[in-house]
Protein backbone atom coordinates (compact mmCIF):
# COMPACT_ATOMS: atom_id res chain seq x y z
CA UNK A 1 -0.23 -0.14 0.04
CA UNK A 2 1.49 3.45 -0.70
CA UNK A 3 1.32 6.00 2.11
CA UNK A 4 0.76 9.15 -0.16
CA UNK A 5 -1.76 11.12 1.72
CA UNK A 6 -2.15 13.54 4.63
CA UNK A 7 -4.73 12.07 7.53
CA UNK A 8 -5.96 15.54 8.81
CA UNK A 9 -7.08 15.15 12.96
CA UNK A 10 -9.11 18.22 14.02
CA UNK A 11 -11.81 18.57 16.67
CA UNK A 12 -15.70 18.71 16.04
CA UNK A 13 -18.53 18.53 18.05
CA UNK A 14 -19.73 14.58 18.57
CA UNK A 15 -21.55 13.53 17.34
CA UNK A 16 -20.15 14.50 13.99
CA UNK A 17 -22.05 15.26 10.79
CA UNK A 18 -20.28 16.35 8.00
CA UNK A 19 -23.04 17.54 6.26
CA UNK A 20 -24.85 19.66 9.08
CA UNK A 21 -23.96 23.60 9.30
CA UNK A 22 -22.92 22.86 13.22
CA UNK A 23 -19.78 20.57 11.79
CA UNK A 24 -19.15 24.02 9.41
CA UNK A 25 -19.30 26.33 12.04
CA UNK A 26 -16.81 24.26 14.58
CA UNK A 27 -13.25 26.43 14.02
CA UNK A 28 -11.34 23.83 13.73
CA UNK A 29 -13.24 22.11 11.14
CA UNK A 30 -12.93 25.02 9.25
CA UNK A 31 -9.51 25.01 9.24
CA UNK A 32 -9.30 21.48 7.66
CA UNK A 33 -11.92 23.11 5.02
CA UNK A 34 -9.28 25.80 4.67
CA UNK A 35 -6.41 22.91 3.74
CA UNK A 36 -8.45 21.31 0.83
CA UNK A 37 -9.30 24.67 -0.40
CA UNK A 38 -6.07 25.72 -1.02
CA UNK A 39 -5.53 22.19 -2.80
CA UNK A 40 -8.66 23.03 -4.56
CA UNK A 41 -7.14 26.44 -6.16
CA UNK A 42 -3.58 24.84 -6.51
CA UNK A 43 -3.48 21.48 -7.50
CA UNK A 44 0.43 22.03 -7.09
CA UNK A 45 -0.20 22.48 -3.06
CA UNK A 46 1.08 19.58 -1.24
CA UNK A 47 -1.96 18.51 0.39
CA UNK A 48 -3.43 15.38 -0.70
CA UNK A 49 -6.66 14.38 1.92
CA UNK A 50 -6.39 10.84 3.36
CA UNK A 51 -10.31 11.52 4.17
CA UNK A 52 -11.11 11.11 0.05
CA UNK A 53 -10.04 7.16 0.67
CA UNK A 54 -12.78 6.00 1.71
CA UNK A 55 -16.57 6.86 1.68
CA UNK A 56 -18.24 9.12 4.00
CA UNK A 57 -19.54 7.97 7.30
CA UNK A 58 -22.61 9.55 9.11
CA UNK A 59 -23.69 10.08 12.57
CA UNK A 60 -25.90 7.17 12.74
CA UNK A 61 -22.97 5.02 12.45
CA UNK A 62 -21.41 2.41 14.96
CA UNK A 63 -18.24 3.49 16.19
CA UNK A 64 -16.48 0.14 16.68
CA UNK A 65 -17.78 -1.47 13.41
CA UNK A 66 -18.03 1.73 11.54
CA UNK A 67 -16.21 4.81 12.15
CA UNK A 68 -13.26 3.46 14.10
CA UNK A 69 -12.29 1.11 10.98
CA UNK A 70 -12.78 4.04 9.05
CA UNK A 71 -10.48 6.11 10.57
CA UNK A 72 -7.96 3.68 11.12
CA UNK A 73 -7.90 2.83 7.06
CA UNK A 74 -7.08 6.28 6.54
CA UNK A 75 -4.71 6.68 8.49
CA UNK A 76 -2.95 3.01 7.17
CA UNK A 77 -3.19 5.18 4.12
CA UNK A 78 -1.53 8.38 5.43
CA UNK A 79 2.35 9.21 5.59
CA UNK A 80 1.96 11.70 8.56
CA UNK A 81 -0.30 13.46 10.38
CA UNK A 82 -1.42 16.68 10.58
CA UNK A 83 -3.24 17.99 14.06
CA UNK A 84 -4.89 21.57 14.08
CA UNK A 85 -4.62 21.84 17.49
CA UNK A 86 -6.15 25.49 18.90
CA UNK A 87 -7.91 27.41 22.01
CA UNK A 88 -11.14 25.18 21.23
CA UNK A 89 -9.86 21.37 20.59
CA UNK A 90 -11.44 19.30 23.08
CA UNK A 91 -9.94 16.00 23.78
CA UNK A 92 -12.63 13.76 22.08
CA UNK A 93 -13.04 9.96 21.62
CA UNK A 94 -12.59 10.30 17.87
CA UNK A 95 -9.42 12.71 18.13
CA UNK A 96 -7.91 10.80 20.97
CA UNK A 97 -8.34 7.53 18.85
CA UNK A 98 -6.65 9.38 15.84
CA UNK A 99 -3.51 10.94 17.23
CA UNK A 100 -3.16 7.82 19.60
CA UNK A 101 -3.64 5.12 16.51
CA UNK A 102 -1.22 7.54 13.96
CA UNK A 103 1.26 7.70 16.79
CA UNK A 104 1.41 4.56 18.83
CA UNK A 105 0.34 2.48 16.50
CA UNK A 106 1.74 3.78 12.63
CA UNK A 107 4.81 5.97 13.72
CA UNK A 108 3.21 8.73 11.91
CA UNK A 109 5.05 11.96 12.18
CA UNK A 110 3.13 15.03 13.16
CA UNK A 111 2.48 18.04 11.68
CA UNK A 112 0.41 20.26 14.69
CA UNK A 113 -0.66 23.16 13.45
CA UNK A 114 -1.90 26.55 15.40
CA UNK A 115 -4.22 28.44 14.09
CA UNK A 116 -4.45 30.56 16.85
CA UNK A 117 -0.92 32.09 15.97
CA UNK A 118 0.35 33.53 12.32
CA UNK A 119 4.00 33.88 12.86
CA UNK A 120 6.81 31.36 13.49
CA UNK A 121 8.24 33.96 16.26
CA UNK A 122 4.61 33.47 17.55
CA UNK A 123 5.15 30.58 18.67
CA UNK A 124 8.13 31.20 20.49
CA UNK A 125 9.50 33.24 23.95
CA UNK A 126 13.37 33.15 23.87
CA UNK A 127 13.43 31.39 20.48
CA UNK A 128 11.96 28.38 22.25
CA UNK A 129 8.12 27.08 21.90
CA UNK A 130 6.06 29.39 24.61
CA UNK A 131 4.46 28.11 27.61
CA UNK A 132 1.10 28.89 25.71
CA UNK A 133 1.82 26.66 22.90
CA UNK A 134 2.95 24.16 25.10
CA UNK A 135 -0.09 24.53 27.26
CA UNK A 136 -2.13 23.26 24.53
CA UNK A 137 -0.87 19.82 24.33
CA UNK A 138 -2.18 19.26 27.98
CA UNK A 139 -5.77 19.41 25.77
CA UNK A 140 -4.85 15.93 24.43
CA UNK A 141 -2.79 13.91 26.79
CA UNK A 142 -2.66 11.69 24.03
CA UNK A 143 -0.41 13.93 21.94
CA UNK A 144 1.70 15.66 25.00
CA UNK A 145 2.14 11.94 26.18
CA UNK A 146 3.36 10.35 22.95
CA UNK A 147 5.53 12.94 21.06
CA UNK A 148 8.74 11.13 22.41
CA UNK A 149 8.15 8.57 19.66
CA UNK A 150 7.98 10.44 15.94
CA UNK A 151 8.87 13.45 15.16
CA UNK A 152 6.73 16.55 15.41
CA UNK A 153 6.90 19.84 13.64
CA UNK A 154 5.04 23.00 15.18
CA UNK A 155 3.92 25.38 13.01
CA UNK A 156 1.47 28.41 12.61
CA UNK A 157 -1.28 28.74 10.28
CA UNK A 158 0.53 30.41 7.55
CA UNK A 159 -0.32 29.04 4.43
CA UNK A 160 3.77 29.17 3.13
CA UNK A 161 5.32 27.52 6.61
CA UNK A 162 2.35 24.26 5.97
CA UNK A 163 3.64 24.18 2.08
CA UNK A 164 6.95 24.32 3.05
CA UNK A 165 6.44 21.29 6.04
CA UNK A 166 4.00 19.04 3.86
CA UNK A 167 7.05 18.88 1.28
CA UNK A 168 9.44 18.22 3.44
CA UNK A 169 10.49 14.72 3.90
CA UNK A 170 11.58 14.83 7.51
CA UNK A 171 8.20 14.46 8.21
CA UNK A 172 6.46 11.76 5.92
CA UNK A 173 7.01 7.98 6.98
CA UNK A 174 9.41 6.69 4.92
CA UNK A 175 11.64 9.22 5.50
CA UNK A 176 11.17 10.55 8.78
CA UNK A 177 14.26 12.02 10.84
CA UNK A 178 14.69 10.63 14.93
CA UNK A 179 11.75 11.72 17.20
CA UNK A 180 11.83 14.86 18.72
CA UNK A 181 9.68 18.17 18.69
CA UNK A 182 10.99 20.84 16.01
CA UNK A 183 9.75 24.42 14.89
CA UNK A 184 11.14 26.73 12.36
CA UNK A 185 13.50 29.59 13.80
CA UNK A 186 13.02 32.91 12.64
């Protein structure tokens, strides 16, 4: 199986239904849609959506029989995990499952995008990731507790930096670098 896709994880209120206005109004889901729109506007933008690799699921789908296996199949098609981590992110069952399976079972490198920040400098204090950024990791303990197992890169909501990161072989499964916490220097 070729791992050419980017699996995107983001918080949405549960139960989730992508066809309702509620899902589209959820902040983290809107950031995922922004990636998709960048790809739609420019076919060379290096985002290949793993969510397009299996058919969609609905609210009424059973977690164990349908939802969880579908998430895992999409992750197994992926070369990395893109995680939107914002002030509105909540530690939901689906998000925990996605991050845990991607890191602890599949060993996917993680690209953490912080929508509340716009520049690489805004993520930093004294040239290190700020306490405010690190505190966001506590919103998703499985991420915080598993980051030492895979390379993670932390980037602001900046199209040029996201594009650069998506092209970086250091954050792709087949060519990933050693585990660690990485960020771009100003």
